[in-house]
Amino acid sequence: KEELGGLKNVLMKHERVIVVADEIYEHINYVGSHASMAQF
């Protein structure tokens, strides 16, 4: 979530940019939880 937040702060300055967030592997995850750019 922190790493996505860092990228999000950059993207906030560029309103034309759409994020295509491919989360197809969401559940095959070994860190306990999935973070999505859409949570911001």
Full PDB file with SEQRES, HELIX, SHEET, SSBOND, CRYST1, ORIGX, SCALE, CONECT and MASTER records, all heavy atoms in Angstrom:
SEQRES   1 A   40  LYS GLU GLU LEU GLY GLY LEU LYS ASN VAL LEU MET LYS          
SEQRES   2 A   40  HIS GLU ARG VAL ILE VAL VAL ALA ASP GLU ILE TYR GLU          
SEQRES   3 A   40  HIS ILE ASN TYR VAL GLY SER HIS ALA SER MET ALA GLN          
SEQRES   4 A   40  PHE                                                          
HELIX    1 AA1 GLU A    2  LEU A   11  1                                  10    
HELIX    2 AA2 MET A   37  GLN A   39  5                                   3    
CRYST1    1.000    1.000    1.000  90.00  90.00  90.00 P 1           1          
ORIGX1      1.000000  0.000000  0.000000        0.00000                         
ORIGX2      0.000000  1.000000  0.000000        0.00000                         
ORIGX3      0.000000  0.000000  1.000000        0.00000                         
SCALE1      1.000000  0.000000  0.000000        0.00000                         
SCALE2      0.000000  1.000000  0.000000        0.00000                         
SCALE3      0.000000  0.000000  1.000000        0.00000                         
ATOM      1  N   LYS A   1       0.835  -1.202   0.000  1.00  0.00           N  
ATOM      2  CA  LYS A   1       0.000   0.000   0.000  1.00  0.00           C  
ATOM      3  C   LYS A   1       0.873   1.256   0.000  1.00  0.00           C  
ATOM      4  O   LYS A   1       0.576   2.240  -0.692  1.00  0.00           O  
ATOM      5  CB  LYS A   1      -0.926  -0.001   1.213  1.00  0.00           C  
ATOM      6  CG  LYS A   1      -1.877   1.182   1.230  1.00  0.00           C  
ATOM      7  CD  LYS A   1      -2.848   1.136   2.405  1.00  0.00           C  
ATOM      8  CE  LYS A   1      -3.786   2.349   2.359  1.00  0.00           C  
ATOM      9  NZ  LYS A   1      -4.745   2.368   3.471  1.00  0.00           N  
ATOM     10  N   GLU A   2       1.976   1.226   0.749  1.00  0.00           N  
ATOM     11  CA  GLU A   2       2.878   2.389   0.819  1.00  0.00           C  
ATOM     12  C   GLU A   2       3.535   2.654  -0.536  1.00  0.00           C  
ATOM     13  O   GLU A   2       3.645   3.810  -0.969  1.00  0.00           O  
ATOM     14  CB  GLU A   2       3.969   2.157   1.876  1.00  0.00           C  
ATOM     15  CG  GLU A   2       3.469   2.111   3.313  1.00  0.00           C  
ATOM     16  CD  GLU A   2       2.619   0.884   3.635  1.00  0.00           C  
ATOM     17  OE1 GLU A   2       2.858  -0.192   3.038  1.00  0.00           O  
ATOM     18  OE2 GLU A   2       1.670   1.019   4.459  1.00  0.00           O  
ATOM     19  N   GLU A   3       3.963   1.584  -1.208  1.00  0.00           N  
ATOM     20  CA  GLU A   3       4.597   1.745  -2.528  1.00  0.00           C  
ATOM     21  C   GLU A   3       3.594   2.285  -3.551  1.00  0.00           C  
ATOM     22  O   GLU A   3       3.920   3.163  -4.354  1.00  0.00           O  
ATOM     23  CB  GLU A   3       5.175   0.404  -2.990  1.00  0.00           C  
ATOM     24  CG  GLU A   3       6.423   0.014  -2.210  1.00  0.00           C  
ATOM     25  CD  GLU A   3       6.823  -1.437  -2.404  1.00  0.00           C  
ATOM     26  OE1 GLU A   3       5.969  -2.287  -2.718  1.00  0.00           O  
ATOM     27  OE2 GLU A   3       8.023  -1.736  -2.222  1.00  0.00           O  
ATOM     28  N   LEU A   4       2.363   1.765  -3.512  1.00  0.00           N  
ATOM     29  CA  LEU A   4       1.331   2.287  -4.412  1.00  0.00           C  
ATOM     30  C   LEU A   4       1.039   3.751  -4.096  1.00  0.00           C  
ATOM     31  O   LEU A   4       0.830   4.563  -5.001  1.00  0.00           O  
ATOM     32  CB  LEU A   4       0.041   1.467  -4.289  1.00  0.00           C  
ATOM     33  CG  LEU A   4       0.070   0.039  -4.849  1.00  0.00           C  
ATOM     34  CD1 LEU A   4      -1.266  -0.639  -4.608  1.00  0.00           C  
ATOM     35  CD2 LEU A   4       0.395   0.029  -6.338  1.00  0.00           C  
ATOM     36  N   GLY A   5       1.056   4.085  -2.811  1.00  0.00           N  
ATOM     37  CA  GLY A   5       0.807   5.468  -2.401  1.00  0.00           C  
ATOM     38  C   GLY A   5       1.848   6.423  -2.976  1.00  0.00           C  
ATOM     39  O   GLY A   5       1.526   7.542  -3.393  1.00  0.00           O  
ATOM     40  N   GLY A   6       3.096   5.969  -3.017  1.00  0.00           N  
ATOM     41  CA  GLY A   6       4.166   6.790  -3.596  1.00  0.00           C  
ATOM     42  C   GLY A   6       3.938   7.046  -5.075  1.00  0.00           C  
ATOM     43  O   GLY A   6       4.133   8.168  -5.573  1.00  0.00           O  
ATOM     44  N   LEU A   7       3.510   6.007  -5.796  1.00  0.00           N  
ATOM     45  CA  LEU A   7       3.211   6.168  -7.223  1.00  0.00           C  
ATOM     46  C   LEU A   7       1.983   7.056  -7.408  1.00  0.00           C  
ATOM     47  O   LEU A   7       1.934   7.902  -8.313  1.00  0.00           O  
ATOM     48  CB  LEU A   7       2.973   4.797  -7.871  1.00  0.00           C  
ATOM     49  CG  LEU A   7       4.139   3.798  -7.823  1.00  0.00           C  
ATOM     50  CD1 LEU A   7       3.730   2.476  -8.465  1.00  0.00           C  
ATOM     51  CD2 LEU A   7       5.381   4.351  -8.523  1.00  0.00           C  
ATOM     52  N   LYS A   8       0.997   6.862  -6.543  1.00  0.00           N  
ATOM     53  CA  LYS A   8      -0.241   7.650  -6.623  1.00  0.00           C  
ATOM     54  C   LYS A   8       0.041   9.139  -6.462  1.00  0.00           C  
ATOM     55  O   LYS A   8      -0.525   9.986  -7.182  1.00  0.00           O  
ATOM     56  CB  LYS A   8      -1.220   7.165  -5.548  1.00  0.00           C  
ATOM     57  CG  LYS A   8      -2.598   7.795  -5.590  1.00  0.00           C  
ATOM     58  CD  LYS A   8      -2.762   9.016  -4.719  1.00  0.00           C  
ATOM     59  CE  LYS A   8      -2.572   8.734  -3.243  1.00  0.00           C  
ATOM     60  NZ  LYS A   8      -2.888   9.956  -2.445  1.00  0.00           N  
ATOM     61  N   ASN A   9       0.954   9.491  -5.543  1.00  0.00           N  
ATOM     62  CA  ASN A   9       1.279  10.910  -5.327  1.00  0.00           C  
ATOM     63  C   ASN A   9       1.855  11.555  -6.588  1.00  0.00           C  
ATOM     64  O   ASN A   9       1.610  12.737  -6.859  1.00  0.00           O  
ATOM     65  CB  ASN A   9       2.259  11.057  -4.161  1.00  0.00           C  
ATOM     66  CG  ASN A   9       1.608  10.713  -2.828  1.00  0.00           C  
ATOM     67  OD1 ASN A   9       0.381  10.747  -2.711  1.00  0.00           O  
ATOM     68  ND2 ASN A   9       2.413  10.354  -1.834  1.00  0.00           N  
ATOM     69  N   VAL A  10       2.605  10.766  -7.355  1.00  0.00           N  
ATOM     70  CA  VAL A  10       3.120  11.271  -8.640  1.00  0.00           C  
ATOM     71  C   VAL A  10       1.964  11.453  -9.628  1.00  0.00           C  
ATOM     72  O   VAL A  10       1.841  12.480 -10.296  1.00  0.00           O  
ATOM     73  CB  VAL A  10       4.175  10.304  -9.229  1.00  0.00           C  
ATOM     74  CG1 VAL A  10       4.546  10.702 -10.652  1.00  0.00           C  
ATOM     75  CG2 VAL A  10       5.418  10.267  -8.336  1.00  0.00           C  
ATOM     76  N   LEU A  11       1.102  10.441  -9.709  1.00  0.00           N  
ATOM     77  CA  LEU A  11       0.008  10.463 -10.684  1.00  0.00           C  
ATOM     78  C   LEU A  11      -0.991  11.580 -10.417  1.00  0.00           C  
ATOM     79  O   LEU A  11      -1.629  12.079 -11.354  1.00  0.00           O  
ATOM     80  CB  LEU A  11      -0.712   9.101 -10.677  1.00  0.00           C  
ATOM     81  CG  LEU A  11       0.134   7.925 -11.188  1.00  0.00           C  
ATOM     82  CD1 LEU A  11      -0.501   6.600 -10.806  1.00  0.00           C  
ATOM     83  CD2 LEU A  11       0.322   8.006 -12.703  1.00  0.00           C  
ATOM     84  N   MET A  12      -1.118  11.995  -9.159  1.00  0.00           N  
ATOM     85  CA  MET A  12      -2.068  13.064  -8.827  1.00  0.00           C  
ATOM     86  C   MET A  12      -1.715  14.372  -9.542  1.00  0.00           C  
ATOM     87  O   MET A  12      -2.570  15.222  -9.768  1.00  0.00           O  
ATOM     88  CB  MET A  12      -2.115  13.295  -7.314  1.00  0.00           C  
ATOM     89  CG  MET A  12      -2.779  12.177  -6.517  1.00  0.00           C  
ATOM     90  SD  MET A  12      -4.398  11.714  -7.123  1.00  0.00           S  
ATOM     91  CE  MET A  12      -5.307  13.242  -6.852  1.00  0.00           C  
ATOM     92  N   LYS A  13      -0.429  14.512  -9.915  1.00  0.00           N  
ATOM     93  CA  LYS A  13       0.004  15.740 -10.605  1.00  0.00           C  
ATOM     94  C   LYS A  13      -0.294  15.686 -12.105  1.00  0.00           C  
ATOM     95  O   LYS A  13      -0.090  16.662 -12.813  1.00  0.00           O  
ATOM     96  CB  LYS A  13       1.505  15.956 -10.394  1.00  0.00           C  
ATOM     97  CG  LYS A  13       1.914  16.173  -8.939  1.00  0.00           C  
ATOM     98  CD  LYS A  13       3.412  16.410  -8.826  1.00  0.00           C  
ATOM     99  CE  LYS A  13       4.126  15.143  -8.452  1.00  0.00           C  
ATOM    100  NZ  LYS A  13       5.581  15.293  -8.325  1.00  0.00           N  
ATOM    101  N   HIS A  14      -0.755  14.536 -12.583  1.00  0.00           N  
ATOM    102  CA  HIS A  14      -0.930  14.343 -14.027  1.00  0.00           C  
ATOM    103  C   HIS A  14      -2.329  13.782 -14.277  1.00  0.00           C  
ATOM    104  O   HIS A  14      -2.518  12.563 -14.386  1.00  0.00           O  
ATOM    105  CB  HIS A  14       0.151  13.402 -14.573  1.00  0.00           C  
ATOM    106  CG  HIS A  14       1.547  13.854 -14.272  1.00  0.00           C  
ATOM    107  ND1 HIS A  14       2.211  14.787 -15.038  1.00  0.00           N  
ATOM    108  CD2 HIS A  14       2.401  13.531 -13.268  1.00  0.00           C  
ATOM    109  CE1 HIS A  14       3.421  15.003 -14.527  1.00  0.00           C  
ATOM    110  NE2 HIS A  14       3.561  14.251 -13.451  1.00  0.00           N  
ATOM    111  N   GLU A  15      -3.295  14.671 -14.408  1.00  0.00           N  
ATOM    112  CA  GLU A  15      -4.704  14.276 -14.406  1.00  0.00           C  
ATOM    113  C   GLU A  15      -5.126  13.447 -15.608  1.00  0.00           C  
ATOM    114  O   GLU A  15      -6.152  12.771 -15.564  1.00  0.00           O  
ATOM    115  CB  GLU A  15      -5.592  15.528 -14.314  1.00  0.00           C  
ATOM    116  CG  GLU A  15      -5.516  16.217 -12.972  1.00  0.00           C  
ATOM    117  CD  GLU A  15      -6.426  17.430 -12.895  1.00  0.00           C  
ATOM    118  OE1 GLU A  15      -7.179  17.664 -13.869  1.00  0.00           O  
ATOM    119  OE2 GLU A  15      -6.377  18.125 -11.868  1.00  0.00           O  
ATOM    120  N   ARG A  16      -4.344  13.482 -16.685  1.00  0.00           N  
ATOM    121  CA  ARG A  16      -4.745  12.771 -17.901  1.00  0.00           C  
ATOM    122  C   ARG A  16      -4.450  11.265 -17.823  1.00  0.00           C  
ATOM    123  O   ARG A  16      -4.972  10.473 -18.616  1.00  0.00           O  
ATOM    124  CB  ARG A  16      -3.990  13.398 -19.096  1.00  0.00           C  
ATOM    125  CG  ARG A  16      -4.417  12.876 -20.438  1.00  0.00           C  
ATOM    126  CD  ARG A  16      -3.840  13.712 -21.575  1.00  0.00           C  
ATOM    127  NE  ARG A  16      -4.262  13.166 -22.861  1.00  0.00           N  
ATOM    128  CZ  ARG A  16      -3.536  12.347 -23.609  1.00  0.00           C  
ATOM    129  NH1 ARG A  16      -2.318  12.001 -23.223  1.00  0.00           N  
ATOM    130  NH2 ARG A  16      -3.998  11.896 -24.763  1.00  0.00           N  
ATOM    131  N   VAL A  17      -3.631  10.867 -16.843  1.00  0.00           N  
ATOM    132  CA  VAL A  17      -3.137   9.482 -16.815  1.00  0.00           C  
ATOM    133  C   VAL A  17      -4.134   8.552 -16.108  1.00  0.00           C  
ATOM    134  O   VAL A  17      -4.509   8.776 -14.961  1.00  0.00           O  
ATOM    135  CB  VAL A  17      -1.761   9.400 -16.121  1.00  0.00           C  
ATOM    136  CG1 VAL A  17      -1.231   7.965 -16.151  1.00  0.00           C  
ATOM    137  CG2 VAL A  17      -0.770  10.348 -16.784  1.00  0.00           C  
ATOM    138  N   ILE A  18      -4.531   7.505 -16.816  1.00  0.00           N  
ATOM    139  CA  ILE A  18      -5.404   6.454 -16.276  1.00  0.00           C  
ATOM    140  C   ILE A  18      -4.518   5.293 -15.792  1.00  0.00           C  
ATOM    141  O   ILE A  18      -3.544   4.935 -16.460  1.00  0.00           O  
ATOM    142  CB  ILE A  18      -6.353   5.909 -17.369  1.00  0.00           C  
ATOM    143  CG1 ILE A  18      -7.119   7.043 -18.054  1.00  0.00           C  
ATOM    144  CG2 ILE A  18      -7.284   4.842 -16.818  1.00  0.00           C  
ATOM    145  CD1 ILE A  18      -8.159   7.711 -17.236  1.00  0.00           C  
ATOM    146  N   VAL A  19      -4.857   4.707 -14.649  1.00  0.00           N  
ATOM    147  CA  VAL A  19      -4.123   3.538 -14.154  1.00  0.00           C  
ATOM    148  C   VAL A  19      -4.894   2.282 -14.532  1.00  0.00           C  
ATOM    149  O   VAL A  19      -6.060   2.113 -14.142  1.00  0.00           O  
ATOM    150  CB  VAL A  19      -3.933   3.577 -12.623  1.00  0.00           C  
ATOM    151  CG1 VAL A  19      -3.137   2.357 -12.153  1.00  0.00           C  
ATOM    152  CG2 VAL A  19      -3.238   4.865 -12.200  1.00  0.00           C  
ATOM    153  N   VAL A  20      -4.257   1.411 -15.315  1.00  0.00           N  
ATOM    154  CA  VAL A  20      -4.837   0.109 -15.641  1.00  0.00           C  
ATOM    155  C   VAL A  20      -4.213  -0.886 -14.666  1.00  0.00           C  
ATOM    156  O   VAL A  20      -3.041  -1.257 -14.795  1.00  0.00           O  
ATOM    157  CB  VAL A  20      -4.548  -0.279 -17.109  1.00  0.00           C  
ATOM    158  CG1 VAL A  20      -5.181  -1.621 -17.446  1.00  0.00           C  
ATOM    159  CG2 VAL A  20      -5.057   0.805 -18.055  1.00  0.00           C  
ATOM    160  N   ALA A  21      -4.992  -1.269 -13.640  1.00  0.00           N  
ATOM    161  CA  ALA A  21      -4.468  -2.077 -12.531  1.00  0.00           C  
ATOM    162  C   ALA A  21      -4.842  -3.539 -12.735  1.00  0.00           C  
ATOM    163  O   ALA A  21      -5.978  -3.953 -12.476  1.00  0.00           O  
ATOM    164  CB  ALA A  21      -5.026  -1.559 -11.207  1.00  0.00           C  
ATOM    165  N   ASP A  22      -3.892  -4.318 -13.231  1.00  0.00           N  
ATOM    166  CA  ASP A  22      -4.125  -5.742 -13.490  1.00  0.00           C  
ATOM    167  C   ASP A  22      -3.918  -6.512 -12.183  1.00  0.00           C  
ATOM    168  O   ASP A  22      -2.784  -6.672 -11.711  1.00  0.00           O  
ATOM    169  CB  ASP A  22      -3.164  -6.227 -14.579  1.00  0.00           C  
ATOM    170  CG  ASP A  22      -3.450  -7.657 -15.014  1.00  0.00           C  
ATOM    171  OD1 ASP A  22      -4.198  -8.366 -14.314  1.00  0.00           O  
ATOM    172  OD2 ASP A  22      -2.911  -8.071 -16.060  1.00  0.00           O  
ATOM    173  N   GLU A  23      -5.033  -6.997 -11.610  1.00  0.00           N  
ATOM    174  CA  GLU A  23      -4.988  -7.655 -10.296  1.00  0.00           C  
ATOM    175  C   GLU A  23      -5.399  -9.121 -10.383  1.00  0.00           C  
ATOM    176  O   GLU A  23      -5.879  -9.697  -9.409  1.00  0.00           O  
ATOM    177  CB  GLU A  23      -5.891  -6.883  -9.322  1.00  0.00           C  
ATOM    178  CG  GLU A  23      -5.485  -5.412  -9.193  1.00  0.00           C  
ATOM    179  CD  GLU A  23      -6.318  -4.617  -8.187  1.00  0.00           C  
ATOM    180  OE1 GLU A  23      -7.199  -5.213  -7.542  1.00  0.00           O  
ATOM    181  OE2 GLU A  23      -6.069  -3.400  -8.065  1.00  0.00           O  
ATOM    182  N   ILE A  24      -5.160  -9.738 -11.534  1.00  0.00           N  
ATOM    183  CA  ILE A  24      -5.619 -11.110 -11.762  1.00  0.00           C  
ATOM    184  C   ILE A  24      -4.970 -12.111 -10.795  1.00  0.00           C  
ATOM    185  O   ILE A  24      -5.547 -13.145 -10.484  1.00  0.00           O  
ATOM    186  CB  ILE A  24      -5.395 -11.523 -13.242  1.00  0.00           C  
ATOM    187  CG1 ILE A  24      -6.104 -12.833 -13.585  1.00  0.00           C  
ATOM    188  CG2 ILE A  24      -3.916 -11.620 -13.577  1.00  0.00           C  
ATOM    189  CD1 ILE A  24      -7.606 -12.769 -13.606  1.00  0.00           C  
ATOM    190  N   TYR A  25      -3.777 -11.791 -10.281  1.00  0.00           N  
ATOM    191  CA  TYR A  25      -3.104 -12.705  -9.343  1.00  0.00           C  
ATOM    192  C   TYR A  25      -3.372 -12.330  -7.877  1.00  0.00           C  
ATOM    193  O   TYR A  25      -2.673 -12.792  -6.975  1.00  0.00           O  
ATOM    194  CB  TYR A  25      -1.586 -12.720  -9.595  1.00  0.00           C  
ATOM    195  CG  TYR A  25      -1.214 -13.345 -10.913  1.00  0.00           C  
ATOM    196  CD1 TYR A  25      -1.033 -12.572 -12.050  1.00  0.00           C  
ATOM    197  CD2 TYR A  25      -1.062 -14.725 -11.037  1.00  0.00           C  
ATOM    198  CE1 TYR A  25      -0.715 -13.147 -13.279  1.00  0.00           C  
ATOM    199  CE2 TYR A  25      -0.744 -15.320 -12.254  1.00  0.00           C  
ATOM    200  CZ  TYR A  25      -0.574 -14.525 -13.370  1.00  0.00           C  
ATOM    201  OH  TYR A  25      -0.263 -15.111 -14.574  1.00  0.00           O  
ATOM    202  N   GLU A  26      -4.367 -11.495  -7.655  1.00  0.00           N  
ATOM    203  CA  GLU A  26      -4.664 -10.953  -6.319  1.00  0.00           C  
ATOM    204  C   GLU A  26      -4.569 -11.987  -5.195  1.00  0.00           C  
ATOM    205  O   GLU A  26      -3.964 -11.739  -4.151  1.00  0.00           O  
ATOM    206  CB  GLU A  26      -6.087 -10.360  -6.340  1.00  0.00           C  
ATOM    207  CG  GLU A  26      -6.623  -9.987  -4.978  1.00  0.00           C  
ATOM    208  CD  GLU A  26      -8.104  -9.620  -5.006  1.00  0.00           C  
ATOM    209  OE1 GLU A  26      -8.746  -9.715  -6.073  1.00  0.00           O  
ATOM    210  OE2 GLU A  26      -8.613  -9.229  -3.951  1.00  0.00           O  
ATOM    211  N   HIS A  27      -5.186 -13.151  -5.378  1.00  0.00           N  
ATOM    212  CA  HIS A  27      -5.285 -14.117  -4.280  1.00  0.00           C  
ATOM    213  C   HIS A  27      -4.061 -15.023  -4.163  1.00  0.00           C  
ATOM    214  O   HIS A  27      -3.941 -15.759  -3.184  1.00  0.00           O  
ATOM    215  CB  HIS A  27      -6.545 -14.958  -4.434  1.00  0.00           C  
ATOM    216  CG  HIS A  27      -7.787 -14.192  -4.091  1.00  0.00           C  
ATOM    217  ND1 HIS A  27      -8.016 -13.684  -2.835  1.00  0.00           N  
ATOM    218  CD2 HIS A  27      -8.846 -13.815  -4.846  1.00  0.00           C  
ATOM    219  CE1 HIS A  27      -9.169 -13.046  -2.820  1.00  0.00           C  
ATOM    220  NE2 HIS A  27      -9.693 -13.104  -4.028  1.00  0.00           N  
ATOM    221  N   ILE A  28      -3.172 -14.978  -5.150  1.00  0.00           N  
ATOM    222  CA  ILE A  28      -1.943 -15.788  -5.038  1.00  0.00           C  
ATOM    223  C   ILE A  28      -0.876 -14.844  -4.498  1.00  0.00           C  
ATOM    224  O   ILE A  28      -0.083 -14.275  -5.226  1.00  0.00           O  
ATOM    225  CB  ILE A  28      -1.591 -16.435  -6.385  1.00  0.00           C  
ATOM    226  CG1 ILE A  28      -2.803 -17.230  -6.891  1.00  0.00           C  
ATOM    227  CG2 ILE A  28      -0.391 -17.367  -6.238  1.00  0.00           C  
ATOM    228  CD1 ILE A  28      -2.654 -17.748  -8.295  1.00  0.00           C  
ATOM    229  N   ASN A  29      -0.897 -14.706  -3.190  1.00  0.00           N  
ATOM    230  CA  ASN A  29      -0.234 -13.601  -2.500  1.00  0.00           C  
ATOM    231  C   ASN A  29       0.341 -14.142  -1.197  1.00  0.00           C  
ATOM    232  O   ASN A  29      -0.376 -14.819  -0.448  1.00  0.00           O  
ATOM    233  CB  ASN A  29      -1.331 -12.547  -2.246  1.00  0.00           C  
ATOM    234  CG  ASN A  29      -0.827 -11.291  -1.606  1.00  0.00           C  
ATOM    235  OD1 ASN A  29      -0.032 -11.329  -0.680  1.00  0.00           O  
ATOM    236  ND2 ASN A  29      -1.320 -10.160  -2.061  1.00  0.00           N  
ATOM    237  N   TYR A  30       1.616 -13.867  -0.953  1.00  0.00           N  
ATOM    238  CA  TYR A  30       2.283 -14.450   0.229  1.00  0.00           C  
ATOM    239  C   TYR A  30       2.627 -13.399   1.276  1.00  0.00           C  
ATOM    240  O   TYR A  30       3.433 -13.652   2.177  1.00  0.00           O  
ATOM    241  CB  TYR A  30       3.557 -15.196  -0.201  1.00  0.00           C  
ATOM    242  CG  TYR A  30       3.342 -16.050  -1.431  1.00  0.00           C  
ATOM    243  CD1 TYR A  30       4.148 -15.918  -2.564  1.00  0.00           C  
ATOM    244  CD2 TYR A  30       2.290 -16.971  -1.480  1.00  0.00           C  
ATOM    245  CE1 TYR A  30       3.925 -16.682  -3.703  1.00  0.00           C  
ATOM    246  CE2 TYR A  30       2.056 -17.730  -2.616  1.00  0.00           C  
ATOM    247  CZ  TYR A  30       2.875 -17.582  -3.726  1.00  0.00           C  
ATOM    248  OH  TYR A  30       2.639 -18.329  -4.854  1.00  0.00           O  
ATOM    249  N   VAL A  31       2.028 -12.214   1.155  1.00  0.00           N  
ATOM    250  CA  VAL A  31       2.321 -11.148   2.129  1.00  0.00           C  
ATOM    251  C   VAL A  31       1.110 -10.839   3.009  1.00  0.00           C  
ATOM    252  O   VAL A  31       1.141  -9.923   3.811  1.00  0.00           O  
ATOM    253  CB  VAL A  31       2.813  -9.854   1.444  1.00  0.00           C  
ATOM    254  CG1 VAL A  31       4.196 -10.058   0.858  1.00  0.00           C  
ATOM    255  CG2 VAL A  31       1.851  -9.382   0.364  1.00  0.00           C  
ATOM    256  N   GLY A  32       0.047 -11.607   2.825  1.00  0.00           N  
ATOM    257  CA  GLY A  32      -1.075 -11.477   3.755  1.00  0.00           C  
ATOM    258  C   GLY A  32      -2.223 -10.624   3.281  1.00  0.00           C  
ATOM    259  O   GLY A  32      -3.361 -10.883   3.626  1.00  0.00           O  
ATOM    260  N   SER A  33      -1.948  -9.591   2.485  1.00  0.00           N  
ATOM    261  CA  SER A  33      -3.068  -8.772   2.024  1.00  0.00           C  
ATOM    262  C   SER A  33      -2.740  -8.150   0.680  1.00  0.00           C  
ATOM    263  O   SER A  33      -1.575  -7.922   0.354  1.00  0.00           O  
ATOM    264  CB  SER A  33      -3.378  -7.666   3.038  1.00  0.00           C  
ATOM    265  OG  SER A  33      -2.275  -6.788   3.146  1.00  0.00           O  
ATOM    266  N   HIS A  34      -3.796  -7.882  -0.088  1.00  0.00           N  
ATOM    267  CA  HIS A  34      -3.643  -7.304  -1.421  1.00  0.00           C  
ATOM    268  C   HIS A  34      -3.943  -5.811  -1.358  1.00  0.00           C  
ATOM    269  O   HIS A  34      -4.942  -5.401  -0.757  1.00  0.00           O  
ATOM    270  CB  HIS A  34      -4.612  -7.992  -2.390  1.00  0.00           C  
ATOM    271  CG  HIS A  34      -4.690  -7.327  -3.727  1.00  0.00           C  
ATOM    272  ND1 HIS A  34      -3.686  -7.429  -4.661  1.00  0.00           N  
ATOM    273  CD2 HIS A  34      -5.637  -6.536  -4.287  1.00  0.00           C  
ATOM    274  CE1 HIS A  34      -4.018  -6.739  -5.740  1.00  0.00           C  
ATOM    275  NE2 HIS A  34      -5.205  -6.183  -5.536  1.00  0.00           N  
ATOM    276  N   ALA A  35      -3.085  -5.025  -1.964  1.00  0.00           N  
ATOM    277  CA  ALA A  35      -3.309  -3.573  -2.034  1.00  0.00           C  
ATOM    278  C   ALA A  35      -3.682  -3.202  -3.468  1.00  0.00           C  
ATOM    279  O   ALA A  35      -3.075  -3.682  -4.420  1.00  0.00           O  
ATOM    280  CB  ALA A  35      -2.051  -2.831  -1.608  1.00  0.00           C  
ATOM    281  N   SER A  36      -4.700  -2.343  -3.597  1.00  0.00           N  
ATOM    282  CA  SER A  36      -5.157  -1.898  -4.914  1.00  0.00           C  
ATOM    283  C   SER A  36      -5.016  -0.387  -5.033  1.00  0.00           C  
ATOM    284  O   SER A  36      -5.271   0.341  -4.072  1.00  0.00           O  
ATOM    285  CB  SER A  36      -6.627  -2.283  -5.117  1.00  0.00           C  
ATOM    286  OG  SER A  36      -7.125  -1.710  -6.314  1.00  0.00           O  
ATOM    287  N   MET A  37      -4.635   0.077  -6.207  1.00  0.00           N  
ATOM    288  CA  MET A  37      -4.552   1.529  -6.437  1.00  0.00           C  
ATOM    289  C   MET A  37      -5.918   2.191  -6.222  1.00  0.00           C  
ATOM    290  O   MET A  37      -6.009   3.365  -5.861  1.00  0.00           O  
ATOM    291  CB  MET A  37      -4.037   1.788  -7.849  1.00  0.00           C  
ATOM    292  CG  MET A  37      -3.686   3.229  -8.132  1.00  0.00           C  
ATOM    293  SD  MET A  37      -2.314   3.881  -7.131  1.00  0.00           S  
ATOM    294  CE  MET A  37      -0.898   3.497  -8.188  1.00  0.00           C  
ATOM    295  N   ALA A  38      -6.998   1.413  -6.413  1.00  0.00           N  
ATOM    296  CA  ALA A  38      -8.349   1.977  -6.281  1.00  0.00           C  
ATOM    297  C   ALA A  38      -8.735   2.263  -4.827  1.00  0.00           C  
ATOM    298  O   ALA A  38      -9.767   2.875  -4.574  1.00  0.00           O  
ATOM    299  CB  ALA A  38      -9.371   1.038  -6.921  1.00  0.00           C  
ATOM    300  N   GLN A  39      -7.905   1.811  -3.873  1.00  0.00           N  
ATOM    301  CA  GLN A  39      -8.252   2.081  -2.469  1.00  0.00           C  
ATOM    302  C   GLN A  39      -7.985   3.538  -2.078  1.00  0.00           C  
ATOM    303  O   GLN A  39      -8.427   3.988  -1.022  1.00  0.00           O  
ATOM    304  CB  GLN A  39      -7.485   1.147  -1.539  1.00  0.00           C  
ATOM    305  CG  GLN A  39      -5.983   1.428  -1.441  1.00  0.00           C  
ATOM    306  CD  GLN A  39      -5.230   0.285  -0.783  1.00  0.00           C  
ATOM    307  OE1 GLN A  39      -5.618  -0.177   0.270  1.00  0.00           O  
ATOM    308  NE2 GLN A  39      -4.178  -0.192  -1.422  1.00  0.00           N  
ATOM    309  N   PHE A  40      -7.280   4.282  -2.947  1.00  0.00           N  
ATOM    310  CA  PHE A  40      -7.035   5.707  -2.682  1.00  0.00           C  
ATOM    311  C   PHE A  40      -8.168   6.519  -3.312  1.00  0.00           C  
ATOM    312  O   PHE A  40      -8.281   6.601  -4.538  1.00  0.00           O  
ATOM    313  CB  PHE A  40      -5.680   6.137  -3.259  1.00  0.00           C  
ATOM    314  CG  PHE A  40      -4.517   5.369  -2.692  1.00  0.00           C  
ATOM    315  CD1 PHE A  40      -3.843   4.433  -3.473  1.00  0.00           C  
ATOM    316  CD2 PHE A  40      -4.101   5.563  -1.384  1.00  0.00           C  
ATOM    317  CE1 PHE A  40      -2.764   3.714  -2.959  1.00  0.00           C  
ATOM    318  CE2 PHE A  40      -3.019   4.845  -0.859  1.00  0.00           C  
ATOM    319  CZ  PHE A  40      -2.362   3.921  -1.646  1.00  0.00           C  
TER     320      PHE A  40                                                      
MASTER        0    0    0    2    0    0    0    6  319    1    0    4          
END                                                                             
